[in-house]
Amino acid sequence: MHKQEHKLESDIMETQHHPSLRFLVLGLIALLCSLSTAQAATVYTEDFEAAAAGWSMDNGVWEIGTPSAGPAACAGGSAQCAGTVLGGNYPAYDDSRLVSPTLQLPAAVGAEEVHLRFQQWFSYSGYDSGQVQVSVWDEAAGTWGAWENVGGSV
């Protein structure tokens, strides 16, 4: 069985020069591989209760913890979540990323599909946005493909 490897990236882009309270909180993340129209198997879950094993964060903006603003609790009943500046303002003109560990998925057969599901809460100022992106490992080339947006901006 051929397996595909994927990485997920959540990207928050700051485009205004004055900071205000804004952050993205990712709670329970589940990557599901539909095995048939009647059933699905969970391939990967993350509730951020333990350290962010295998996750990478850049520019010092993403963190794991409990937010001091926004929702009263993290998604899925978790005590912790991944978010940007959980207790303050997001820095101006800053791009920051939270990248998942490499996830190995079984090859889809026939009409099977892979679904990414996650719970989020966010608050942005006018020109800010967040994106979820996926990169797929190209076995033949031995490199990661370009990051591709999944859906529209959040």
C-alpha atoms as a PDB file:
ATOM      1  CA  MET A   1       0.000   0.000   0.000  1.00  0.00           C
ATOM      2  CA  HIS A   2       1.445   3.354  -1.035  1.00  0.00           C
ATOM      3  CA  LYS A   3       1.285   5.969   1.691  1.00  0.00           C
ATOM      4  CA  GLN A   4       1.271   9.715   1.210  1.00  0.00           C
ATOM      5  CA  GLU A   5       2.965  12.088   3.583  1.00  0.00           C
ATOM      6  CA  HIS A   6       1.426  15.467   4.271  1.00  0.00           C
ATOM      7  CA  LYS A   7       2.248  18.496   6.349  1.00  0.00           C
ATOM      8  CA  LEU A   8      -0.327  21.018   7.476  1.00  0.00           C
ATOM      9  CA  GLU A   9       0.459  24.660   7.977  1.00  0.00           C
ATOM     10  CA  SER A  10      -1.677  27.308   9.533  1.00  0.00           C
ATOM     11  CA  ASP A  11      -0.459  30.706   8.511  1.00  0.00           C
ATOM     12  CA  ILE A  12      -1.470  34.000  10.091  1.00  0.00           C
ATOM     13  CA  MET A  13      -0.551  37.074   8.100  1.00  0.00           C
ATOM     14  CA  GLU A  14      -0.389  40.537   9.649  1.00  0.00           C
ATOM     15  CA  THR A  15      -0.710  43.364   7.167  1.00  0.00           C
ATOM     16  CA  GLN A  16      -1.568  46.372   9.320  1.00  0.00           C
ATOM     17  CA  HIS A  17       1.031  48.491  11.052  1.00  0.00           C
ATOM     18  CA  HIS A  18      -0.818  48.835  14.357  1.00  0.00           C
ATOM     19  CA  PRO A  19      -1.423  45.815  16.550  1.00  0.00           C
ATOM     20  CA  SER A  20      -4.741  44.995  18.109  1.00  0.00           C
ATOM     21  CA  LEU A  21      -5.968  41.864  19.807  1.00  0.00           C
ATOM     22  CA  ARG A  22      -6.134  39.103  17.246  1.00  0.00           C
ATOM     23  CA  PHE A  23      -5.141  35.491  17.283  1.00  0.00           C
ATOM     24  CA  LEU A  24      -6.087  32.124  15.965  1.00  0.00           C
ATOM     25  CA  VAL A  25      -6.745  29.280  18.332  1.00  0.00           C
ATOM     26  CA  LEU A  26      -6.598  25.765  17.001  1.00  0.00           C
ATOM     27  CA  GLY A  27      -8.228  23.278  19.276  1.00  0.00           C
ATOM     28  CA  LEU A  28      -8.840  19.654  18.559  1.00  0.00           C
ATOM     29  CA  ILE A  29      -7.442  18.670  15.168  1.00  0.00           C
ATOM     30  CA  ALA A  30      -8.500  15.455  13.498  1.00  0.00           C
ATOM     31  CA  LEU A  31      -7.346  14.166  10.147  1.00  0.00           C
ATOM     32  CA  LEU A  32      -9.808  11.631   8.835  1.00  0.00           C
ATOM     33  CA  CYS A  33      -9.448   9.215   5.973  1.00  0.00           C
ATOM     34  CA  SER A  34     -12.839   8.087   4.715  1.00  0.00           C
ATOM     35  CA  LEU A  35     -12.603   4.371   4.110  1.00  0.00           C
ATOM     36  CA  SER A  36     -16.025   4.117   2.535  1.00  0.00           C
ATOM     37  CA  THR A  37     -19.182   6.148   2.368  1.00  0.00           C
ATOM     38  CA  ALA A  38     -20.322   4.489   5.601  1.00  0.00           C
ATOM     39  CA  GLN A  39     -17.242   4.704   7.811  1.00  0.00           C
ATOM     40  CA  ALA A  40     -14.179   6.827   8.510  1.00  0.00           C
ATOM     41  CA  ALA A  41     -10.930   6.118  10.306  1.00  0.00           C
ATOM     42  CA  THR A  42      -9.131   8.792  12.279  1.00  0.00           C
ATOM     43  CA  VAL A  43      -5.539   8.916  11.110  1.00  0.00           C
ATOM     44  CA  TYR A  44      -4.264  11.664  13.427  1.00  0.00           C
ATOM     45  CA  THR A  45      -5.559  13.753  16.318  1.00  0.00           C
ATOM     46  CA  GLU A  46      -3.979  16.507  18.390  1.00  0.00           C
ATOM     47  CA  ASP A  47      -5.456  18.133  21.479  1.00  0.00           C
ATOM     48  CA  PHE A  48      -2.278  20.002  22.544  1.00  0.00           C
ATOM     49  CA  GLU A  49      -2.520  18.576  26.084  1.00  0.00           C
ATOM     50  CA  ALA A  50       1.083  17.391  25.901  1.00  0.00           C
ATOM     51  CA  ALA A  51       3.955  19.354  24.441  1.00  0.00           C
ATOM     52  CA  ALA A  52       3.579  20.144  20.756  1.00  0.00           C
ATOM     53  CA  ALA A  53       5.559  17.068  19.701  1.00  0.00           C
ATOM     54  CA  GLY A  54       6.740  17.449  16.134  1.00  0.00           C
ATOM     55  CA  TRP A  55       5.013  20.787  15.587  1.00  0.00           C
ATOM     56  CA  SER A  56       7.147  23.742  14.547  1.00  0.00           C
ATOM     57  CA  MET A  57       6.380  27.400  15.182  1.00  0.00           C
ATOM     58  CA  ASP A  58       8.145  30.424  13.783  1.00  0.00           C
ATOM     59  CA  ASN A  59       8.604  34.095  14.688  1.00  0.00           C
ATOM     60  CA  GLY A  60       7.754  33.533  18.361  1.00  0.00           C
ATOM     61  CA  VAL A  61       4.048  34.208  17.891  1.00  0.00           C
ATOM     62  CA  TRP A  62       2.501  30.726  18.104  1.00  0.00           C
ATOM     63  CA  GLU A  63       2.301  29.081  21.511  1.00  0.00           C
ATOM     64  CA  ILE A  64       0.601  26.224  23.326  1.00  0.00           C
ATOM     65  CA  GLY A  65      -1.454  27.115  26.372  1.00  0.00           C
ATOM     66  CA  THR A  66      -4.749  28.506  27.605  1.00  0.00           C
ATOM     67  CA  PRO A  67      -5.945  31.762  26.035  1.00  0.00           C
ATOM     68  CA  SER A  68      -6.642  34.710  28.326  1.00  0.00           C
ATOM     69  CA  ALA A  69      -9.019  36.295  25.792  1.00  0.00           C
ATOM     70  CA  GLY A  70     -11.538  34.897  23.357  1.00  0.00           C
ATOM     71  CA  PRO A  71     -13.425  31.704  24.103  1.00  0.00           C
ATOM     72  CA  ALA A  72     -13.780  30.606  27.710  1.00  0.00           C
ATOM     73  CA  ALA A  73     -12.344  27.169  26.946  1.00  0.00           C
ATOM     74  CA  CYS A  74     -10.318  25.438  24.282  1.00  0.00           C
ATOM     75  CA  ALA A  75     -12.088  23.325  21.678  1.00  0.00           C
ATOM     76  CA  GLY A  76     -13.061  19.742  22.343  1.00  0.00           C
ATOM     77  CA  GLY A  77     -12.798  20.132  26.121  1.00  0.00           C
ATOM     78  CA  SER A  78      -9.015  20.379  25.975  1.00  0.00           C
ATOM     79  CA  ALA A  79      -7.270  22.454  28.628  1.00  0.00           C
ATOM     80  CA  GLN A  80      -4.751  23.732  26.076  1.00  0.00           C
ATOM     81  CA  CYS A  81      -4.686  24.822  22.459  1.00  0.00           C
ATOM     82  CA  ALA A  82      -2.314  26.242  19.874  1.00  0.00           C
ATOM     83  CA  GLY A  83      -2.720  29.937  19.275  1.00  0.00           C
ATOM     84  CA  THR A  84      -1.024  33.169  18.407  1.00  0.00           C
ATOM     85  CA  VAL A  85      -0.255  35.447  21.339  1.00  0.00           C
ATOM     86  CA  LEU A  86      -2.634  33.770  23.771  1.00  0.00           C
ATOM     87  CA  GLY A  87      -2.418  36.648  26.223  1.00  0.00           C
ATOM     88  CA  GLY A  88      -1.863  39.816  24.225  1.00  0.00           C
ATOM     89  CA  ASN A  89      -1.526  41.641  20.952  1.00  0.00           C
ATOM     90  CA  TYR A  90      -0.219  40.207  17.735  1.00  0.00           C
ATOM     91  CA  PRO A  91       2.884  42.051  16.443  1.00  0.00           C
ATOM     92  CA  ALA A  92       2.515  44.327  13.430  1.00  0.00           C
ATOM     93  CA  TYR A  93       3.780  43.255   9.993  1.00  0.00           C
ATOM     94  CA  ASP A  94       4.396  39.679  11.055  1.00  0.00           C
ATOM     95  CA  ASP A  95       3.826  36.389   9.295  1.00  0.00           C
ATOM     96  CA  SER A  96       3.826  33.407  11.600  1.00  0.00           C
ATOM     97  CA  ARG A  97       3.308  29.719  11.016  1.00  0.00           C
ATOM     98  CA  LEU A  98       2.379  26.625  12.965  1.00  0.00           C
ATOM     99  CA  VAL A  99       3.413  23.528  10.996  1.00  0.00           C
ATOM    100  CA  SER A 100       2.318  20.011  11.901  1.00  0.00           C
ATOM    101  CA  PRO A 101       4.606  17.022  12.057  1.00  0.00           C
ATOM    102  CA  THR A 102       4.697  14.937   8.879  1.00  0.00           C
ATOM    103  CA  LEU A 103       1.562  12.813   8.652  1.00  0.00           C
ATOM    104  CA  GLN A 104       1.610   9.578   6.693  1.00  0.00           C
ATOM    105  CA  LEU A 105      -1.758   8.756   5.162  1.00  0.00           C
ATOM    106  CA  PRO A 106      -2.925   5.556   3.515  1.00  0.00           C
ATOM    107  CA  ALA A 107      -3.450   5.859  -0.227  1.00  0.00           C
ATOM    108  CA  ALA A 108      -7.031   6.645  -1.185  1.00  0.00           C
ATOM    109  CA  VAL A 109      -8.768   3.922  -3.168  1.00  0.00           C
ATOM    110  CA  GLY A 110     -11.701   4.549  -5.475  1.00  0.00           C
ATOM    111  CA  ALA A 111     -13.987   7.222  -4.048  1.00  0.00           C
ATOM    112  CA  GLU A 112     -12.142   7.517  -0.722  1.00  0.00           C
ATOM    113  CA  GLU A 113     -11.257  11.009   0.451  1.00  0.00           C
ATOM    114  CA  VAL A 114      -9.108  12.575   3.140  1.00  0.00           C
ATOM    115  CA  HIS A 115     -10.722  15.243   5.316  1.00  0.00           C
ATOM    116  CA  LEU A 116      -9.019  17.693   7.657  1.00  0.00           C
ATOM    117  CA  ARG A 117     -11.232  18.806  10.522  1.00  0.00           C
ATOM    118  CA  PHE A 118     -10.336  21.291  13.202  1.00  0.00           C
ATOM    119  CA  GLN A 119     -12.025  23.706  15.544  1.00  0.00           C
ATOM    120  CA  GLN A 120     -10.943  27.327  15.587  1.00  0.00           C
ATOM    121  CA  TRP A 121     -11.723  30.690  17.068  1.00  0.00           C
ATOM    122  CA  PHE A 122     -10.195  33.824  15.636  1.00  0.00           C
ATOM    123  CA  SER A 123     -10.369  37.586  15.792  1.00  0.00           C
ATOM    124  CA  TYR A 124      -8.662  39.623  13.083  1.00  0.00           C
ATOM    125  CA  SER A 125      -8.388  43.284  12.200  1.00  0.00           C
ATOM    126  CA  GLY A 126      -9.385  44.547   8.756  1.00  0.00           C
ATOM    127  CA  TYR A 127      -6.560  43.358   6.502  1.00  0.00           C
ATOM    128  CA  ASP A 128      -5.375  40.326   8.464  1.00  0.00           C
ATOM    129  CA  SER A 129      -6.121  36.752   7.491  1.00  0.00           C
ATOM    130  CA  GLY A 130      -5.362  33.153   8.296  1.00  0.00           C
ATOM    131  CA  GLN A 131      -4.872  30.243   5.945  1.00  0.00           C
ATOM    132  CA  VAL A 132      -4.683  26.482   6.198  1.00  0.00           C
ATOM    133  CA  GLN A 133      -2.240  25.000   3.714  1.00  0.00           C
ATOM    134  CA  VAL A 134      -1.163  21.474   2.777  1.00  0.00           C
ATOM    135  CA  SER A 135       2.098  20.258   1.262  1.00  0.00           C
ATOM    136  CA  VAL A 136       2.416  16.767  -0.234  1.00  0.00           C
ATOM    137  CA  TRP A 137       5.641  14.751  -0.398  1.00  0.00           C
ATOM    138  CA  ASP A 138       6.635  13.895  -3.972  1.00  0.00           C
ATOM    139  CA  GLU A 139       8.218  10.448  -3.691  1.00  0.00           C
ATOM    140  CA  ALA A 140       9.643  10.500  -7.230  1.00  0.00           C
ATOM    141  CA  ALA A 141      11.292  13.916  -6.808  1.00  0.00           C
ATOM    142  CA  GLY A 142      12.213  13.380  -3.156  1.00  0.00           C
ATOM    143  CA  THR A 143      10.925  16.845  -2.200  1.00  0.00           C
ATOM    144  CA  TRP A 144       7.919  18.523  -0.646  1.00  0.00           C
ATOM    145  CA  GLY A 145       5.464  20.106  -3.068  1.00  0.00           C
ATOM    146  CA  ALA A 146       4.447  23.747  -2.868  1.00  0.00           C
ATOM    147  CA  TRP A 147       2.104  24.786  -0.058  1.00  0.00           C
ATOM    148  CA  GLU A 148      -1.469  24.834  -1.334  1.00  0.00           C
ATOM    149  CA  ASN A 149      -4.349  26.660   0.328  1.00  0.00           C
ATOM    150  CA  VAL A 150      -7.181  24.484   1.588  1.00  0.00           C
ATOM    151  CA  GLY A 151     -10.410  26.420   1.129  1.00  0.00           C
ATOM    152  CA  GLY A 152     -10.400  30.195   1.445  1.00  0.00           C
ATOM    153  CA  SER A 153      -8.879  32.484   4.024  1.00  0.00           C
ATOM    154  CA  VAL A 154     -10.312  32.288   7.516  1.00  0.00           C
END
